[in-house]
Amino acid sequence: MDMAEDIPEDYPTEIEEQLTGFESSVASVNTMVQTVLSMPRKELMERLDPLEQAKLDLMSAYTLNSLFWMYLVTQGINPKEHGIKQELERIRTYMNRVKEITDRKKAARLDKGAVSRFVRNALWDSEEAASKKEGQASKTEGTSSKKGGSKKHKDTPGRGQHSKRPKLN
């Protein structure tokens, strides 16, 4: 049955568009409900982890209460003055808690090994850059005076070099 076809022609087109949209929304909700009801609840819950079970329960409760809200509106009852408003707020509070838990679970964990490698490499690059600056400064000094030479210590190996000095025990 198409609700839009039952509308007399003297109604504004905005109402017809809204009723057509409402009808398609109801059909979509009906399809989803049939999908959920087609599988036994016990079997469905066994497939989900506890967090997803909580999400399913909350979404089911919120959906049913939202449908009841709509039912009250169709009966001429103001749902804002009914207990359903508090129930929807309570469910929304729990949904926010579950979202916080999910977000914490998704948050990146600190890999201490990766952090130490990152810091070590960053410091190594800084030391290398400092030695390059010293090398450039000594080259400019070396051109003005032959005595200056490099300020770099001979016993400090550069990156990838090994010290030629024997180790003392």
Foldseek 3Di string as FASTA:
>chain_A
DQPLVVDDPVDDVVVSVVSNVVVVVVVVVVVVVCVVVVDDPVVVVVVDDPLVVLVVVLVVQLVVLVVVCVVCVVVVHNCVPPCSVVVNVVSVVVVVVSVVVVVVVVDDDDDVVVVVVVVVVVVLVVVLVVQVVQVVVQVVVCVVPVPSHGPDDLQDDRVPDDGPDDDDD
